[in-house]
PDB file of N, CA and C in Angstrom:
ATOM      1  N   MET A   1     -11.205   1.926  -9.765  1.00  0.00           N
ATOM      2  CA  MET A   1     -10.029   2.471  -9.106  1.00  0.00           C
ATOM      3  C   MET A   1     -10.444   3.701  -8.317  1.00  0.00           C
ATOM      4  N   SER A   2      -9.729   3.955  -7.256  1.00  0.00           N
ATOM      5  CA  SER A   2      -9.985   5.122  -6.428  1.00  0.00           C
ATOM      6  C   SER A   2      -9.752   6.391  -7.227  1.00  0.00           C
ATOM      7  N   SER A   3     -10.455   7.440  -6.836  1.00  0.00           N
ATOM      8  CA  SER A   3     -10.277   8.713  -7.521  1.00  0.00           C
ATOM      9  C   SER A   3      -9.024   9.451  -7.048  1.00  0.00           C
ATOM     10  N   ASN A   4      -8.316   8.921  -6.051  1.00  0.00           N
ATOM     11  CA  ASN A   4      -7.104   9.553  -5.547  1.00  0.00           C
ATOM     12  C   ASN A   4      -5.884   8.835  -6.127  1.00  0.00           C
ATOM     13  N   LYS A   5      -5.572   9.138  -7.358  1.00  0.00           N
ATOM     14  CA  LYS A   5      -4.501   8.451  -8.098  1.00  0.00           C
ATOM     15  C   LYS A   5      -3.117   8.783  -7.536  1.00  0.00           C
ATOM     16  N   ILE A   6      -2.285   7.757  -7.417  1.00  0.00           N
ATOM     17  CA  ILE A   6      -0.905   7.938  -6.950  1.00  0.00           C
ATOM     18  C   ILE A   6      -0.060   8.460  -8.112  1.00  0.00           C
ATOM     19  N   ILE A   7       0.656   9.548  -7.859  1.00  0.00           N
ATOM     20  CA  ILE A   7       1.514  10.154  -8.875  1.00  0.00           C
ATOM     21  C   ILE A   7       2.965   9.750  -8.662  1.00  0.00           C
ATOM     22  N   SER A   8       3.419   9.730  -7.401  1.00  0.00           N
ATOM     23  CA  SER A   8       4.782   9.285  -7.125  1.00  0.00           C
ATOM     24  C   SER A   8       4.827   8.591  -5.770  1.00  0.00           C
ATOM     25  N   SER A   9       5.858   7.746  -5.616  1.00  0.00           N
ATOM     26  CA  SER A   9       6.006   6.979  -4.377  1.00  0.00           C
ATOM     27  C   SER A   9       7.479   6.729  -4.103  1.00  0.00           C
ATOM     28  N   LYS A  10       7.744   6.288  -2.874  1.00  0.00           N
ATOM     29  CA  LYS A  10       9.097   5.968  -2.429  1.00  0.00           C
ATOM     30  C   LYS A  10       9.157   4.478  -2.119  1.00  0.00           C
ATOM     31  N   ALA A  11      10.071   3.762  -2.772  1.00  0.00           N
ATOM     32  CA  ALA A  11      10.246   2.334  -2.511  1.00  0.00           C
ATOM     33  C   ALA A  11      10.767   2.132  -1.102  1.00  0.00           C
ATOM     34  N   ILE A  12      10.237   1.103  -0.402  1.00  0.00           N
ATOM     35  CA  ILE A  12      10.670   0.831   0.967  1.00  0.00           C
ATOM     36  C   ILE A  12      11.144  -0.605   1.154  1.00  0.00           C
ATOM     37  N   GLY A  13      11.223  -1.370   0.089  1.00  0.00           N
ATOM     38  CA  GLY A  13      11.712  -2.743   0.197  1.00  0.00           C
ATOM     39  C   GLY A  13      10.754  -3.743  -0.401  1.00  0.00           C
ATOM     40  N   ASN A  14      10.922  -4.997  -0.002  1.00  0.00           N
ATOM     41  CA  ASN A  14      10.118  -6.098  -0.526  1.00  0.00           C
ATOM     42  C   ASN A  14       9.631  -6.961   0.618  1.00  0.00           C
ATOM     43  N   VAL A  15       8.574  -7.708   0.348  1.00  0.00           N
ATOM     44  CA  VAL A  15       8.100  -8.751   1.248  1.00  0.00           C
ATOM     45  C   VAL A  15       7.888 -10.004   0.423  1.00  0.00           C
ATOM     46  N   THR A  16       7.964 -11.149   1.085  1.00  0.00           N
ATOM     47  CA  THR A  16       7.664 -12.401   0.409  1.00  0.00           C
ATOM     48  C   THR A  16       6.360 -12.921   0.974  1.00  0.00           C
ATOM     49  N   LEU A  17       5.381 -13.069   0.101  1.00  0.00           N
ATOM     50  CA  LEU A  17       4.051 -13.516   0.488  1.00  0.00           C
ATOM     51  C   LEU A  17       3.683 -14.725  -0.366  1.00  0.00           C
ATOM     52  N   GLY A  18       3.432 -15.832   0.287  1.00  0.00           N
ATOM     53  CA  GLY A  18       3.065 -17.035  -0.447  1.00  0.00           C
ATOM     54  C   GLY A  18       4.128 -17.471  -1.433  1.00  0.00           C
ATOM     55  N   GLY A  19       5.398 -17.250  -1.080  1.00  0.00           N
ATOM     56  CA  GLY A  19       6.500 -17.644  -1.953  1.00  0.00           C
ATOM     57  C   GLY A  19       6.792 -16.662  -3.065  1.00  0.00           C
ATOM     58  N   LYS A  20       6.075 -15.543  -3.110  1.00  0.00           N
ATOM     59  CA  LYS A  20       6.258 -14.547  -4.163  1.00  0.00           C
ATOM     60  C   LYS A  20       6.780 -13.243  -3.555  1.00  0.00           C
ATOM     61  N   THR A  21       7.786 -12.652  -4.188  1.00  0.00           N
ATOM     62  CA  THR A  21       8.324 -11.372  -3.721  1.00  0.00           C
ATOM     63  C   THR A  21       7.503 -10.233  -4.317  1.00  0.00           C
ATOM     64  N   VAL A  22       7.072  -9.339  -3.427  1.00  0.00           N
ATOM     65  CA  VAL A  22       6.258  -8.188  -3.814  1.00  0.00           C
ATOM     66  C   VAL A  22       6.962  -6.925  -3.330  1.00  0.00           C
ATOM     67  N   ALA A  23       7.085  -5.935  -4.197  1.00  0.00           N
ATOM     68  CA  ALA A  23       7.693  -4.652  -3.836  1.00  0.00           C
ATOM     69  C   ALA A  23       6.720  -3.839  -2.995  1.00  0.00           C
ATOM     70  N   LEU A  24       7.273  -3.075  -2.055  1.00  0.00           N
ATOM     71  CA  LEU A  24       6.470  -2.162  -1.234  1.00  0.00           C
ATOM     72  C   LEU A  24       6.920  -0.732  -1.473  1.00  0.00           C
ATOM     73  N   ALA A  25       5.957   0.186  -1.418  1.00  0.00           N
ATOM     74  CA  ALA A  25       6.254   1.606  -1.578  1.00  0.00           C
ATOM     75  C   ALA A  25       5.241   2.402  -0.764  1.00  0.00           C
ATOM     76  N   ILE A  26       5.555   3.669  -0.563  1.00  0.00           N
ATOM     77  CA  ILE A  26       4.638   4.584   0.114  1.00  0.00           C
ATOM     78  C   ILE A  26       4.447   5.799  -0.775  1.00  0.00           C
ATOM     79  N   ALA A  27       3.191   6.138  -1.014  1.00  0.00           N
ATOM     80  CA  ALA A  27       2.881   7.291  -1.862  1.00  0.00           C
ATOM     81  C   ALA A  27       3.415   8.563  -1.224  1.00  0.00           C
ATOM     82  N   THR A  28       4.058   9.379  -2.050  1.00  0.00           N
ATOM     83  CA  THR A  28       4.525  10.689  -1.602  1.00  0.00           C
ATOM     84  C   THR A  28       3.746  11.823  -2.278  1.00  0.00           C
ATOM     85  N   HIS A  29       2.982  11.462  -3.324  1.00  0.00           N
ATOM     86  CA  HIS A  29       2.201  12.471  -4.041  1.00  0.00           C
ATOM     87  C   HIS A  29       1.030  11.778  -4.720  1.00  0.00           C
ATOM     88  N   THR A  30      -0.178  12.251  -4.447  1.00  0.00           N
ATOM     89  CA  THR A  30      -1.369  11.768  -5.155  1.00  0.00           C
ATOM     90  C   THR A  30      -2.010  12.980  -5.813  1.00  0.00           C
ATOM     91  N   GLN A  31      -3.087  12.749  -6.529  1.00  0.00           N
ATOM     92  CA  GLN A  31      -3.743  13.899  -7.164  1.00  0.00           C
ATOM     93  C   GLN A  31      -4.389  14.816  -6.129  1.00  0.00           C
ATOM     94  N   ASN A  32      -4.530  14.340  -4.867  1.00  0.00           N
ATOM     95  CA  ASN A  32      -5.166  15.157  -3.833  1.00  0.00           C
ATOM     96  C   ASN A  32      -4.220  15.735  -2.793  1.00  0.00           C
ATOM     97  N   TRP A  33      -3.016  15.193  -2.653  1.00  0.00           N
ATOM     98  CA  TRP A  33      -2.117  15.651  -1.600  1.00  0.00           C
ATOM     99  C   TRP A  33      -0.664  15.267  -1.881  1.00  0.00           C
ATOM    100  N   LYS A  34       0.242  15.883  -1.084  1.00  0.00           N
ATOM    101  CA  LYS A  34       1.665  15.523  -1.086  1.00  0.00           C
ATOM    102  C   LYS A  34       2.051  15.145   0.338  1.00  0.00           C
ATOM    103  N   ARG A  35       2.893  14.109   0.450  1.00  0.00           N
ATOM    104  CA  ARG A  35       3.373  13.629   1.753  1.00  0.00           C
ATOM    105  C   ARG A  35       4.891  13.791   1.757  1.00  0.00           C
ATOM    106  N   PRO A  36       5.461  14.512   2.735  1.00  0.00           N
ATOM    107  CA  PRO A  36       6.921  14.632   2.791  1.00  0.00           C
ATOM    108  C   PRO A  36       7.571  13.246   2.891  1.00  0.00           C
ATOM    109  N   GLU A  37       8.706  13.093   2.246  1.00  0.00           N
ATOM    110  CA  GLU A  37       9.381  11.796   2.218  1.00  0.00           C
ATOM    111  C   GLU A  37       9.710  11.291   3.618  1.00  0.00           C
ATOM    112  N   ASN A  38      10.114  12.177   4.529  1.00  0.00           N
ATOM    113  CA  ASN A  38      10.438  11.732   5.891  1.00  0.00           C
ATOM    114  C   ASN A  38       9.202  11.193   6.609  1.00  0.00           C
ATOM    115  N   VAL A  39       8.041  11.752   6.333  1.00  0.00           N
ATOM    116  CA  VAL A  39       6.793  11.251   6.920  1.00  0.00           C
ATOM    117  C   VAL A  39       6.463   9.891   6.315  1.00  0.00           C
ATOM    118  N   ALA A  40       6.657   9.762   5.011  1.00  0.00           N
ATOM    119  CA  ALA A  40       6.413   8.482   4.333  1.00  0.00           C
ATOM    120  C   ALA A  40       7.303   7.391   4.921  1.00  0.00           C
ATOM    121  N   LEU A  41       8.581   7.679   5.049  1.00  0.00           N
ATOM    122  CA  LEU A  41       9.526   6.680   5.537  1.00  0.00           C
ATOM    123  C   LEU A  41       9.271   6.291   6.991  1.00  0.00           C
ATOM    124  N   ALA A  42       8.735   7.204   7.784  1.00  0.00           N
ATOM    125  CA  ALA A  42       8.419   6.888   9.176  1.00  0.00           C
ATOM    126  C   ALA A  42       7.312   5.833   9.284  1.00  0.00           C
ATOM    127  N   GLN A  43       6.470   5.738   8.275  1.00  0.00           N
ATOM    128  CA  GLN A  43       5.379   4.768   8.268  1.00  0.00           C
ATOM    129  C   GLN A  43       5.802   3.401   7.725  1.00  0.00           C
ATOM    130  N   ALA A  44       6.980   3.329   7.137  1.00  0.00           N
ATOM    131  CA  ALA A  44       7.421   2.108   6.457  1.00  0.00           C
ATOM    132  C   ALA A  44       7.428   0.861   7.336  1.00  0.00           C
ATOM    133  N   PRO A  45       8.035   0.886   8.529  1.00  0.00           N
ATOM    134  CA  PRO A  45       8.097  -0.353   9.319  1.00  0.00           C
ATOM    135  C   PRO A  45       6.721  -0.917   9.680  1.00  0.00           C
ATOM    136  N   SER A  46       5.801  -0.060  10.112  1.00  0.00           N
ATOM    137  CA  SER A  46       4.489  -0.571  10.525  1.00  0.00           C
ATOM    138  C   SER A  46       3.655  -1.005   9.323  1.00  0.00           C
ATOM    139  N   PHE A  47       3.792  -0.321   8.193  1.00  0.00           N
ATOM    140  CA  PHE A  47       3.075  -0.749   6.990  1.00  0.00           C
ATOM    141  C   PHE A  47       3.594  -2.111   6.524  1.00  0.00           C
ATOM    142  N   LYS A  48       4.904  -2.274   6.518  1.00  0.00           N
ATOM    143  CA  LYS A  48       5.488  -3.546   6.093  1.00  0.00           C
ATOM    144  C   LYS A  48       4.990  -4.695   6.975  1.00  0.00           C
ATOM    145  N   LYS A  49       4.973  -4.481   8.295  1.00  0.00           N
ATOM    146  CA  LYS A  49       4.482  -5.513   9.211  1.00  0.00           C
ATOM    147  C   LYS A  49       3.018  -5.838   8.946  1.00  0.00           C
ATOM    148  N   ALA A  50       2.212  -4.817   8.686  1.00  0.00           N
ATOM    149  CA  ALA A  50       0.792  -5.034   8.413  1.00  0.00           C
ATOM    150  C   ALA A  50       0.603  -5.871   7.153  1.00  0.00           C
ATOM    151  N   VAL A  51       1.387  -5.600   6.126  1.00  0.00           N
ATOM    152  CA  VAL A  51       1.291  -6.375   4.884  1.00  0.00           C
ATOM    153  C   VAL A  51       1.738  -7.813   5.141  1.00  0.00           C
ATOM    154  N   GLU A  52       2.834  -7.980   5.866  1.00  0.00           N
ATOM    155  CA  GLU A  52       3.363  -9.322   6.142  1.00  0.00           C
ATOM    156  C   GLU A  52       2.372 -10.185   6.921  1.00  0.00           C
ATOM    157  N   LYS A  53       1.621  -9.592   7.823  1.00  0.00           N
ATOM    158  CA  LYS A  53       0.707 -10.396   8.646  1.00  0.00           C
ATOM    159  C   LYS A  53      -0.683 -10.532   8.031  1.00  0.00           C
ATOM    160  N   SER A  54      -0.930  -9.846   6.940  1.00  0.00           N
ATOM    161  CA  SER A  54      -2.241  -9.926   6.299  1.00  0.00           C
ATOM    162  C   SER A  54      -2.489 -11.335   5.773  1.00  0.00           C
ATOM    163  N   GLY A  55      -3.650 -11.837   6.042  1.00  0.00           N
ATOM    164  CA  GLY A  55      -3.998 -13.160   5.537  1.00  0.00           C
ATOM    165  C   GLY A  55      -4.844 -13.093   4.276  1.00  0.00           C
ATOM    166  N   THR A  56      -5.116 -11.883   3.816  1.00  0.00           N
ATOM    167  CA  THR A  56      -5.944 -11.720   2.629  1.00  0.00           C
ATOM    168  C   THR A  56      -5.153 -12.083   1.384  1.00  0.00           C
ATOM    169  N   PRO A  57      -5.685 -12.983   0.572  1.00  0.00           N
ATOM    170  CA  PRO A  57      -4.966 -13.347  -0.658  1.00  0.00           C
ATOM    171  C   PRO A  57      -4.815 -12.152  -1.596  1.00  0.00           C
ATOM    172  N   LEU A  58      -3.663 -12.096  -2.255  1.00  0.00           N
ATOM    173  CA  LEU A  58      -3.413 -11.053  -3.246  1.00  0.00           C
ATOM    174  C   LEU A  58      -3.708 -11.610  -4.634  1.00  0.00           C
ATOM    175  N   PRO A  59      -4.125 -10.764  -5.559  1.00  0.00           N
ATOM    176  CA  PRO A  59      -4.246 -11.238  -6.939  1.00  0.00           C
ATOM    177  C   PRO A  59      -2.897 -11.806  -7.390  1.00  0.00           C
ATOM    178  N   SER A  60      -2.910 -12.858  -8.171  1.00  0.00           N
ATOM    179  CA  SER A  60      -1.669 -13.536  -8.566  1.00  0.00           C
ATOM    180  C   SER A  60      -0.714 -12.622  -9.327  1.00  0.00           C
ATOM    181  N   ALA A  61      -1.226 -11.600  -9.984  1.00  0.00           N
ATOM    182  CA  ALA A  61      -0.382 -10.691 -10.767  1.00  0.00           C
ATOM    183  C   ALA A  61       0.254  -9.583  -9.929  1.00  0.00           C
ATOM    184  N   THR A  62      -0.016  -9.534  -8.626  1.00  0.00           N
ATOM    185  CA  THR A  62       0.490  -8.448  -7.779  1.00  0.00           C
ATOM    186  C   THR A  62       2.017  -8.421  -7.781  1.00  0.00           C
ATOM    187  N   ALA A  63       2.571  -7.264  -8.160  1.00  0.00           N
ATOM    188  CA  ALA A  63       4.021  -7.064  -8.147  1.00  0.00           C
ATOM    189  C   ALA A  63       4.415  -5.968  -7.161  1.00  0.00           C
ATOM    190  N   LYS A  64       3.455  -5.081  -6.814  1.00  0.00           N
ATOM    191  CA  LYS A  64       3.771  -3.939  -5.953  1.00  0.00           C
ATOM    192  C   LYS A  64       2.543  -3.555  -5.143  1.00  0.00           C
ATOM    193  N   ILE A  65       2.790  -3.197  -3.876  1.00  0.00           N
ATOM    194  CA  ILE A  65       1.750  -2.651  -3.005  1.00  0.00           C
ATOM    195  C   ILE A  65       2.240  -1.295  -2.524  1.00  0.00           C
ATOM    196  N   THR A  66       1.452  -0.264  -2.794  1.00  0.00           N
ATOM    197  CA  THR A  66       1.815   1.093  -2.391  1.00  0.00           C
ATOM    198  C   THR A  66       0.837   1.599  -1.345  1.00  0.00           C
ATOM    199  N   LEU A  67       1.371   2.015  -0.204  1.00  0.00           N
ATOM    200  CA  LEU A  67       0.540   2.635   0.832  1.00  0.00           C
ATOM    201  C   LEU A  67       0.055   3.972   0.297  1.00  0.00           C
ATOM    202  N   ARG A  68      -1.266   4.103   0.180  1.00  0.00           N
ATOM    203  CA  ARG A  68      -1.825   5.382  -0.254  1.00  0.00           C
ATOM    204  C   ARG A  68      -2.330   6.168   0.939  1.00  0.00           C
ATOM    205  N   GLU A  69      -3.058   5.509   1.834  1.00  0.00           N
ATOM    206  CA  GLU A  69      -3.641   6.199   2.983  1.00  0.00           C
ATOM    207  C   GLU A  69      -3.048   5.648   4.272  1.00  0.00           C
ATOM    208  N   SER A  70      -2.590   6.541   5.127  1.00  0.00           N
ATOM    209  CA  SER A  70      -2.074   6.162   6.438  1.00  0.00           C
ATOM    210  C   SER A  70      -3.177   5.515   7.254  1.00  0.00           C
ATOM    211  N   GLN A  71      -2.812   4.991   8.404  1.00  0.00           N
ATOM    212  CA  GLN A  71      -3.781   4.314   9.253  1.00  0.00           C
ATOM    213  C   GLN A  71      -4.970   5.216   9.558  1.00  0.00           C
ATOM    214  N   HIS A  72      -6.167   4.683   9.345  1.00  0.00           N
ATOM    215  CA  HIS A  72      -7.392   5.450   9.558  1.00  0.00           C
ATOM    216  C   HIS A  72      -8.588   4.496   9.601  1.00  0.00           C
ATOM    217  N   PRO A  73      -9.695   4.903  10.221  1.00  0.00           N
ATOM    218  CA  PRO A  73     -10.943   4.173  10.075  1.00  0.00           C
ATOM    219  C   PRO A  73     -11.742   4.824   8.934  1.00  0.00           C
ATOM    220  N   SER A  74     -12.738   4.138   8.442  1.00  0.00           N
ATOM    221  CA  SER A  74     -13.614   4.716   7.427  1.00  0.00           C
ATOM    222  C   SER A  74     -15.032   4.241   7.691  1.00  0.00           C
ATOM    223  N   PRO A  75     -16.023   4.875   7.109  1.00  0.00           N
ATOM    224  CA  PRO A  75     -17.404   4.428   7.336  1.00  0.00           C
ATOM    225  C   PRO A  75     -17.611   2.962   6.918  1.00  0.00           C
ATOM    226  N   ALA A  76     -16.936   2.534   5.872  1.00  0.00           N
ATOM    227  CA  ALA A  76     -17.090   1.156   5.394  1.00  0.00           C
ATOM    228  C   ALA A  76     -16.262   0.153   6.192  1.00  0.00           C
ATOM    229  N   ASP A  77     -15.223   0.629   6.885  1.00  0.00           N
ATOM    230  CA  ASP A  77     -14.346  -0.245   7.668  1.00  0.00           C
ATOM    231  C   ASP A  77     -13.888   0.546   8.893  1.00  0.00           C
ATOM    232  N   THR A  78     -14.580   0.365  10.000  1.00  0.00           N
ATOM    233  CA  THR A  78     -14.332   1.195  11.184  1.00  0.00           C
ATOM    234  C   THR A  78     -13.081   0.808  11.962  1.00  0.00           C
ATOM    235  N   LYS A  79     -12.438  -0.308  11.608  1.00  0.00           N
ATOM    236  CA  LYS A  79     -11.179  -0.697  12.248  1.00  0.00           C
ATOM    237  C   LYS A  79     -10.039   0.084  11.582  1.00  0.00           C
ATOM    238  N   ASP A  80      -9.096   0.599  12.398  1.00  0.00           N
ATOM    239  CA  ASP A  80      -7.957   1.321  11.820  1.00  0.00           C
ATOM    240  C   ASP A  80      -7.235   0.432  10.807  1.00  0.00           C
ATOM    241  N   HIS A  81      -6.958   0.996   9.646  1.00  0.00           N
ATOM    242  CA  HIS A  81      -6.298   0.234   8.583  1.00  0.00           C
ATOM    243  C   HIS A  81      -5.489   1.156   7.690  1.00  0.00           C
ATOM    244  N   TYR A  82      -4.537   0.560   6.983  1.00  0.00           N
ATOM    245  CA  TYR A  82      -3.812   1.228   5.904  1.00  0.00           C
ATOM    246  C   TYR A  82      -4.527   0.858   4.607  1.00  0.00           C
ATOM    247  N   THR A  83      -4.541   1.769   3.650  1.00  0.00           N
ATOM    248  CA  THR A  83      -5.070   1.440   2.331  1.00  0.00           C
ATOM    249  C   THR A  83      -3.890   1.269   1.393  1.00  0.00           C
ATOM    250  N   GLY A  84      -3.778   0.069   0.832  1.00  0.00           N
ATOM    251  CA  GLY A  84      -2.714  -0.243  -0.111  1.00  0.00           C
ATOM    252  C   GLY A  84      -3.270  -0.419  -1.511  1.00  0.00           C
ATOM    253  N   VAL A  85      -2.551   0.096  -2.482  1.00  0.00           N
ATOM    254  CA  VAL A  85      -2.925  -0.037  -3.893  1.00  0.00           C
ATOM    255  C   VAL A  85      -2.042  -1.114  -4.512  1.00  0.00           C
ATOM    256  N   LEU A  86      -2.673  -2.112  -5.109  1.00  0.00           N
ATOM    257  CA  LEU A  86      -1.954  -3.230  -5.715  1.00  0.00           C
ATOM    258  C   LEU A  86      -1.834  -3.019  -7.217  1.00  0.00           C
ATOM    259  N   GLU A  87      -0.618  -3.247  -7.723  1.00  0.00           N
ATOM    260  CA  GLU A  87      -0.351  -3.091  -9.153  1.00  0.00           C
ATOM    261  C   GLU A  87       0.376  -4.321  -9.673  1.00  0.00           C
ATOM    262  N   ASP A  88       0.252  -4.555 -10.983  1.00  0.00           N
ATOM    263  CA  ASP A  88       1.006  -5.643 -11.602  1.00  0.00           C
ATOM    264  C   ASP A  88       2.366  -5.126 -12.067  1.00  0.00           C
ATOM    265  N   ALA A  89       3.135  -5.969 -12.717  1.00  0.00           N
ATOM    266  CA  ALA A  89       4.492  -5.604 -13.150  1.00  0.00           C
ATOM    267  C   ALA A  89       4.497  -4.499 -14.202  1.00  0.00           C
ATOM    268  N   ASN A  90       3.367  -4.273 -14.859  1.00  0.00           N
ATOM    269  CA  ASN A  90       3.257  -3.205 -15.861  1.00  0.00           C
ATOM    270  C   ASN A  90       2.652  -1.930 -15.279  1.00  0.00           C
ATOM    271  N   LYS A  91       2.585  -1.858 -13.948  1.00  0.00           N
ATOM    272  CA  LYS A  91       2.046  -0.710 -13.212  1.00  0.00           C
ATOM    273  C   LYS A  91       0.551  -0.514 -13.425  1.00  0.00           C
ATOM    274  N   LYS A  92      -0.135  -1.597 -13.807  1.00  0.00           N
ATOM    275  CA  LYS A  92      -1.578  -1.543 -13.995  1.00  0.00           C
ATOM    276  C   LYS A  92      -2.261  -1.769 -12.647  1.00  0.00           C
ATOM    277  N   TYR A  93      -3.228  -0.923 -12.339  1.00  0.00           N
ATOM    278  CA  TYR A  93      -4.005  -1.032 -11.109  1.00  0.00           C
ATOM    279  C   TYR A  93      -4.749  -2.361 -11.081  1.00  0.00           C
ATOM    280  N   LEU A  94      -4.631  -3.074  -9.963  1.00  0.00           N
ATOM    281  CA  LEU A  94      -5.374  -4.323  -9.780  1.00  0.00           C
ATOM    282  C   LEU A  94      -6.549  -4.111  -8.821  1.00  0.00           C
ATOM    283  N   GLU A  95      -6.256  -3.602  -7.634  1.00  0.00           N
ATOM    284  CA  GLU A  95      -7.276  -3.341  -6.634  1.00  0.00           C
ATOM    285  C   GLU A  95      -6.651  -2.612  -5.451  1.00  0.00           C
ATOM    286  N   SER A  96      -7.513  -2.162  -4.547  1.00  0.00           N
ATOM    287  CA  SER A  96      -7.070  -1.607  -3.265  1.00  0.00           C
ATOM    288  C   SER A  96      -7.438  -2.608  -2.177  1.00  0.00           C
ATOM    289  N   GLN A  97      -6.589  -2.704  -1.144  1.00  0.00           N
ATOM    290  CA  GLN A  97      -6.871  -3.568  -0.012  1.00  0.00           C
ATOM    291  C   GLN A  97      -6.566  -2.835   1.277  1.00  0.00           C
ATOM    292  N   HIS A  98      -7.229  -3.267   2.350  1.00  0.00           N
ATOM    293  CA  HIS A  98      -6.944  -2.740   3.678  1.00  0.00           C
ATOM    294  C   HIS A  98      -5.974  -3.696   4.379  1.00  0.00           C
ATOM    295  N   PHE A  99      -5.005  -3.108   5.053  1.00  0.00           N
ATOM    296  CA  PHE A  99      -4.016  -3.853   5.830  1.00  0.00           C
ATOM    297  C   PHE A  99      -4.075  -3.335   7.263  1.00  0.00           C
ATOM    298  N   TYR A 100      -4.065  -4.267   8.225  1.00  0.00           N
ATOM    299  CA  TYR A 100      -4.282  -3.924   9.624  1.00  0.00           C
ATOM    300  C   TYR A 100      -3.018  -4.099  10.434  1.00  0.00           C
ATOM    301  N   LYS A 101      -2.751  -3.149  11.310  1.00  0.00           N
ATOM    302  CA  LYS A 101      -1.556  -3.153  12.161  1.00  0.00           C
ATOM    303  C   LYS A 101      -1.605  -4.287  13.149  1.00  0.00           C
TER     304      LYS A 101
END
């Protein structure tokens, strides 16, 4: 798991992927930073679209995807992407994935 743990988030709705409904949220507080709620909500539409168009399979236990990092490139992935944290219904970390606008 990433060392930047999500402490709190704001729910932004649901998406249906592969016939399964998955909750979406945007982190408002991690162990490294705080994001104002209005800034979080401004990112909601584009994050939701990125998740909806992603062709990457999700683990079958995925119940929630939380945007942790806003759109950015990284040394390991130079294409602009959102970093989403996937959790199961018990809030257990499954993995992180990149979602592209």
